[in-house]
Amino acid sequence: MLAKPKLYLETTIPSYLVSKPSRDLRLAADQEQTVEWWEEHRGRFEIFVSAVVLREVSKGNPEMSQKRIDALSGIPLLSPTEESEELTIRLLEEVVPANAADDAAHIAIATVHGIDFLLTWNCKHINNRYTTRKIEECCQKMGFTCPVIATPTELMEIGL
């Protein structure tokens, strides 16, 4: 039996999963796609998060925070390493703005741990054409292979 691909859940995934449906139609569609992916497709992956995700989902409204934490219950935690710290710094120097240090940490932790997919709705600092190319180049310069960065919709479109 083939091993399942490894997938890192960035913070936007549990946030979209448990949040109240948005009045913004595009955001509501993304939330719906997240729920569909979670219910029908997550079993195809070995899923991981990091302490960065847990810290971020713990912020905000206590009731919603608890729902996000509960959704992640039982998911293995990836620890930061010296290499992921170095890659985070390099990403901040070359690609990701300083005010998005947690985004750089998500990418670095997933990359250093050999994760196959990084699942996110963060299309500002992580999942956009310009940024992903720069992220991949930065990871390669440090000797790592960047995970495929995708939204739930993108993974479902390719059958994953």
C-alpha atoms as a PDB file:
ATOM      1  CA  MET A   1       0.000   0.000   0.000  1.00  0.00           C
ATOM      2  CA  LEU A   2       1.327   3.418  -0.961  1.00  0.00           C
ATOM      3  CA  ALA A   3       1.961   5.973   1.754  1.00  0.00           C
ATOM      4  CA  LYS A   4      -0.428   8.894   1.846  1.00  0.00           C
ATOM      5  CA  PRO A   5       0.970  12.251   0.758  1.00  0.00           C
ATOM      6  CA  LYS A   6       1.890  14.525   3.654  1.00  0.00           C
ATOM      7  CA  LEU A   7      -0.092  17.748   3.957  1.00  0.00           C
ATOM      8  CA  TYR A   8       0.465  20.792   6.174  1.00  0.00           C
ATOM      9  CA  LEU A   9      -2.631  22.767   7.168  1.00  0.00           C
ATOM     10  CA  GLU A  10      -1.970  26.491   7.303  1.00  0.00           C
ATOM     11  CA  THR A  11      -4.138  28.492   9.722  1.00  0.00           C
ATOM     12  CA  THR A  12      -6.688  29.694   7.167  1.00  0.00           C
ATOM     13  CA  ILE A  13      -7.975  26.138   6.705  1.00  0.00           C
ATOM     14  CA  PRO A  14      -9.305  25.551  10.246  1.00  0.00           C
ATOM     15  CA  SER A  15     -10.458  29.167  10.282  1.00  0.00           C
ATOM     16  CA  TYR A  16     -12.564  28.752   7.137  1.00  0.00           C
ATOM     17  CA  LEU A  17     -13.704  25.316   8.288  1.00  0.00           C
ATOM     18  CA  VAL A  18     -15.441  26.488  11.461  1.00  0.00           C
ATOM     19  CA  SER A  19     -16.319  30.106  10.742  1.00  0.00           C
ATOM     20  CA  LYS A  20     -19.861  31.316  10.211  1.00  0.00           C
ATOM     21  CA  PRO A  21     -20.712  31.611   6.506  1.00  0.00           C
ATOM     22  CA  SER A  22     -19.598  34.937   5.155  1.00  0.00           C
ATOM     23  CA  ARG A  23     -21.914  37.389   3.417  1.00  0.00           C
ATOM     24  CA  ASP A  24     -19.144  37.871   0.849  1.00  0.00           C
ATOM     25  CA  LEU A  25     -20.039  35.356  -1.864  1.00  0.00           C
ATOM     26  CA  ARG A  26     -16.460  34.535  -2.817  1.00  0.00           C
ATOM     27  CA  LEU A  27     -15.408  33.972   0.785  1.00  0.00           C
ATOM     28  CA  ALA A  28     -18.556  31.913   1.429  1.00  0.00           C
ATOM     29  CA  ALA A  29     -17.679  29.714  -1.576  1.00  0.00           C
ATOM     30  CA  ASP A  30     -14.134  29.237  -0.235  1.00  0.00           C
ATOM     31  CA  GLN A  31     -15.549  28.284   3.153  1.00  0.00           C
ATOM     32  CA  GLU A  32     -17.874  25.781   1.488  1.00  0.00           C
ATOM     33  CA  GLN A  33     -14.983  24.298  -0.497  1.00  0.00           C
ATOM     34  CA  THR A  34     -12.978  23.961   2.722  1.00  0.00           C
ATOM     35  CA  VAL A  35     -15.785  22.026   4.394  1.00  0.00           C
ATOM     36  CA  GLU A  36     -16.145  19.801   1.322  1.00  0.00           C
ATOM     37  CA  TRP A  37     -12.401  19.102   1.244  1.00  0.00           C
ATOM     38  CA  TRP A  38     -12.367  18.401   4.993  1.00  0.00           C
ATOM     39  CA  GLU A  39     -15.321  16.026   4.872  1.00  0.00           C
ATOM     40  CA  GLU A  40     -14.563  14.206   1.613  1.00  0.00           C
ATOM     41  CA  HIS A  41     -10.839  14.467   0.846  1.00  0.00           C
ATOM     42  CA  ARG A  42      -8.715  14.911   3.970  1.00  0.00           C
ATOM     43  CA  GLY A  43      -8.566  11.144   4.524  1.00  0.00           C
ATOM     44  CA  ARG A  44      -6.334  10.903   1.463  1.00  0.00           C
ATOM     45  CA  PHE A  45      -3.526  12.700   3.305  1.00  0.00           C
ATOM     46  CA  GLU A  46      -1.339  12.378   6.354  1.00  0.00           C
ATOM     47  CA  ILE A  47      -2.045  15.788   7.909  1.00  0.00           C
ATOM     48  CA  PHE A  48       0.236  17.946  10.057  1.00  0.00           C
ATOM     49  CA  VAL A  49       0.193  21.354  11.736  1.00  0.00           C
ATOM     50  CA  SER A  50       2.758  23.292  13.752  1.00  0.00           C
ATOM     51  CA  ALA A  51       2.824  25.294  16.952  1.00  0.00           C
ATOM     52  CA  VAL A  52       2.512  28.386  14.738  1.00  0.00           C
ATOM     53  CA  VAL A  53      -0.900  27.148  13.565  1.00  0.00           C
ATOM     54  CA  LEU A  54      -1.995  26.342  17.115  1.00  0.00           C
ATOM     55  CA  ARG A  55      -0.925  29.783  18.325  1.00  0.00           C
ATOM     56  CA  GLU A  56      -2.757  31.533  15.494  1.00  0.00           C
ATOM     57  CA  VAL A  57      -5.996  29.536  15.864  1.00  0.00           C
ATOM     58  CA  SER A  58      -5.983  30.291  19.598  1.00  0.00           C
ATOM     59  CA  LYS A  59      -6.421  34.012  18.953  1.00  0.00           C
ATOM     60  CA  GLY A  60      -9.704  35.901  18.744  1.00  0.00           C
ATOM     61  CA  ASN A  61     -13.173  35.033  19.942  1.00  0.00           C
ATOM     62  CA  PRO A  62     -12.830  32.303  22.614  1.00  0.00           C
ATOM     63  CA  GLU A  63     -15.763  30.240  21.279  1.00  0.00           C
ATOM     64  CA  MET A  64     -14.467  30.291  17.700  1.00  0.00           C
ATOM     65  CA  SER A  65     -10.928  29.716  18.884  1.00  0.00           C
ATOM     66  CA  GLN A  66     -12.042  26.578  20.712  1.00  0.00           C
ATOM     67  CA  LYS A  67     -13.812  25.327  17.571  1.00  0.00           C
ATOM     68  CA  ARG A  68     -10.615  25.780  15.563  1.00  0.00           C
ATOM     69  CA  ILE A  69      -8.555  24.019  18.230  1.00  0.00           C
ATOM     70  CA  ASP A  70     -11.081  21.165  18.390  1.00  0.00           C
ATOM     71  CA  ALA A  71     -10.950  20.736  14.607  1.00  0.00           C
ATOM     72  CA  LEU A  72      -7.184  20.193  14.857  1.00  0.00           C
ATOM     73  CA  SER A  73      -7.397  17.729  17.723  1.00  0.00           C
ATOM     74  CA  GLY A  74      -5.247  14.676  17.125  1.00  0.00           C
ATOM     75  CA  ILE A  75      -3.323  16.132  14.188  1.00  0.00           C
ATOM     76  CA  PRO A  76       0.433  15.608  14.652  1.00  0.00           C
ATOM     77  CA  LEU A  77       2.568  18.637  15.382  1.00  0.00           C
ATOM     78  CA  LEU A  78       5.711  19.472  13.390  1.00  0.00           C
ATOM     79  CA  SER A  79       8.414  21.128  15.450  1.00  0.00           C
ATOM     80  CA  PRO A  80      10.580  23.983  14.260  1.00  0.00           C
ATOM     81  CA  THR A  81      14.198  23.076  13.607  1.00  0.00           C
ATOM     82  CA  GLU A  82      17.383  25.049  13.187  1.00  0.00           C
ATOM     83  CA  GLU A  83      16.998  24.572   9.424  1.00  0.00           C
ATOM     84  CA  SER A  84      13.391  25.812   9.424  1.00  0.00           C
ATOM     85  CA  GLU A  85      14.453  28.870  11.436  1.00  0.00           C
ATOM     86  CA  GLU A  86      17.174  29.605   8.861  1.00  0.00           C
ATOM     87  CA  LEU A  87      14.732  29.132   5.971  1.00  0.00           C
ATOM     88  CA  THR A  88      12.181  31.388   7.697  1.00  0.00           C
ATOM     89  CA  ILE A  89      14.800  34.134   7.906  1.00  0.00           C
ATOM     90  CA  ARG A  90      15.769  33.663   4.259  1.00  0.00           C
ATOM     91  CA  LEU A  91      12.108  33.773   3.160  1.00  0.00           C
ATOM     92  CA  LEU A  92      11.640  37.000   5.117  1.00  0.00           C
ATOM     93  CA  GLU A  93      14.721  38.492   3.487  1.00  0.00           C
ATOM     94  CA  GLU A  94      13.782  37.488  -0.050  1.00  0.00           C
ATOM     95  CA  VAL A  95      10.040  36.880  -0.435  1.00  0.00           C
ATOM     96  CA  VAL A  96       7.663  37.321   2.490  1.00  0.00           C
ATOM     97  CA  PRO A  97       7.149  40.763   4.091  1.00  0.00           C
ATOM     98  CA  ALA A  98       8.355  41.198   7.665  1.00  0.00           C
ATOM     99  CA  ASN A  99       4.802  41.660   8.946  1.00  0.00           C
ATOM    100  CA  ALA A 100       3.997  38.111   7.752  1.00  0.00           C
ATOM    101  CA  ALA A 101       6.691  36.208   9.672  1.00  0.00           C
ATOM    102  CA  ASP A 102       4.220  33.460  10.627  1.00  0.00           C
ATOM    103  CA  ASP A 103       3.540  32.854   6.931  1.00  0.00           C
ATOM    104  CA  ALA A 104       7.262  32.389   6.324  1.00  0.00           C
ATOM    105  CA  ALA A 105       7.402  29.997   9.290  1.00  0.00           C
ATOM    106  CA  HIS A 106       4.532  27.887   7.887  1.00  0.00           C
ATOM    107  CA  ILE A 107       6.360  27.525   4.577  1.00  0.00           C
ATOM    108  CA  ALA A 108       9.715  26.789   6.213  1.00  0.00           C
ATOM    109  CA  ILE A 109       8.424  24.207   8.696  1.00  0.00           C
ATOM    110  CA  ALA A 110       6.469  22.356   6.010  1.00  0.00           C
ATOM    111  CA  THR A 111       9.428  22.470   3.613  1.00  0.00           C
ATOM    112  CA  VAL A 112      12.083  21.281   6.055  1.00  0.00           C
ATOM    113  CA  HIS A 113       9.886  18.390   7.187  1.00  0.00           C
ATOM    114  CA  GLY A 114       9.472  17.160   3.603  1.00  0.00           C
ATOM    115  CA  ILE A 115       5.753  17.853   3.389  1.00  0.00           C
ATOM    116  CA  ASP A 116       4.200  17.231  -0.047  1.00  0.00           C
ATOM    117  CA  PHE A 117       1.380  19.822   0.090  1.00  0.00           C
ATOM    118  CA  LEU A 118       0.814  23.076   1.984  1.00  0.00           C
ATOM    119  CA  LEU A 119      -2.925  23.787   2.090  1.00  0.00           C
ATOM    120  CA  THR A 120      -3.881  27.439   2.455  1.00  0.00           C
ATOM    121  CA  TRP A 121      -6.298  30.193   1.523  1.00  0.00           C
ATOM    122  CA  ASN A 122      -3.581  32.792   2.118  1.00  0.00           C
ATOM    123  CA  CYS A 123      -3.237  34.048  -1.439  1.00  0.00           C
ATOM    124  CA  LYS A 124      -1.550  37.286  -0.425  1.00  0.00           C
ATOM    125  CA  HIS A 125       1.726  36.036   1.036  1.00  0.00           C
ATOM    126  CA  ILE A 126       1.777  32.317   0.246  1.00  0.00           C
ATOM    127  CA  ASN A 127      -0.375  31.097  -2.640  1.00  0.00           C
ATOM    128  CA  ASN A 128      -0.132  33.416  -5.610  1.00  0.00           C
ATOM    129  CA  ARG A 129       1.772  32.927  -8.850  1.00  0.00           C
ATOM    130  CA  TYR A 130       4.468  35.487  -8.193  1.00  0.00           C
ATOM    131  CA  THR A 131       5.059  34.515  -4.571  1.00  0.00           C
ATOM    132  CA  THR A 132       5.042  30.746  -5.030  1.00  0.00           C
ATOM    133  CA  ARG A 133       7.713  30.948  -7.710  1.00  0.00           C
ATOM    134  CA  LYS A 134       9.892  33.078  -5.417  1.00  0.00           C
ATOM    135  CA  ILE A 135       9.213  30.744  -2.473  1.00  0.00           C
ATOM    136  CA  GLU A 136      10.220  27.708  -4.545  1.00  0.00           C
ATOM    137  CA  GLU A 137      13.442  29.445  -5.677  1.00  0.00           C
ATOM    138  CA  CYS A 138      14.315  30.412  -2.113  1.00  0.00           C
ATOM    139  CA  CYS A 139      13.742  26.861  -0.845  1.00  0.00           C
ATOM    140  CA  GLN A 140      15.849  25.410  -3.666  1.00  0.00           C
ATOM    141  CA  LYS A 141      18.719  27.788  -2.863  1.00  0.00           C
ATOM    142  CA  MET A 142      18.666  26.394   0.683  1.00  0.00           C
ATOM    143  CA  GLY A 143      18.678  22.795  -0.625  1.00  0.00           C
ATOM    144  CA  PHE A 144      15.004  21.977  -0.048  1.00  0.00           C
ATOM    145  CA  THR A 145      12.026  21.095  -2.201  1.00  0.00           C
ATOM    146  CA  CYS A 146       9.060  23.350  -1.502  1.00  0.00           C
ATOM    147  CA  PRO A 147       5.708  21.633  -0.961  1.00  0.00           C
ATOM    148  CA  VAL A 148       3.040  22.133  -3.598  1.00  0.00           C
ATOM    149  CA  ILE A 149       1.112  25.145  -2.333  1.00  0.00           C
ATOM    150  CA  ALA A 150      -2.625  24.877  -3.004  1.00  0.00           C
ATOM    151  CA  THR A 151      -6.122  25.755  -1.875  1.00  0.00           C
ATOM    152  CA  PRO A 152      -8.666  23.033  -1.106  1.00  0.00           C
ATOM    153  CA  THR A 153     -10.357  23.840  -4.431  1.00  0.00           C
ATOM    154  CA  GLU A 154      -7.111  23.344  -6.341  1.00  0.00           C
ATOM    155  CA  LEU A 155      -6.474  19.971  -4.701  1.00  0.00           C
ATOM    156  CA  MET A 156      -9.998  18.799  -5.419  1.00  0.00           C
ATOM    157  CA  GLU A 157      -9.704  19.927  -9.057  1.00  0.00           C
ATOM    158  CA  ILE A 158      -6.698  17.668  -9.578  1.00  0.00           C
ATOM    159  CA  GLY A 159      -8.356  14.778  -7.774  1.00  0.00           C
ATOM    160  CA  LEU A 160      -6.473  14.943  -4.491  1.00  0.00           C
END
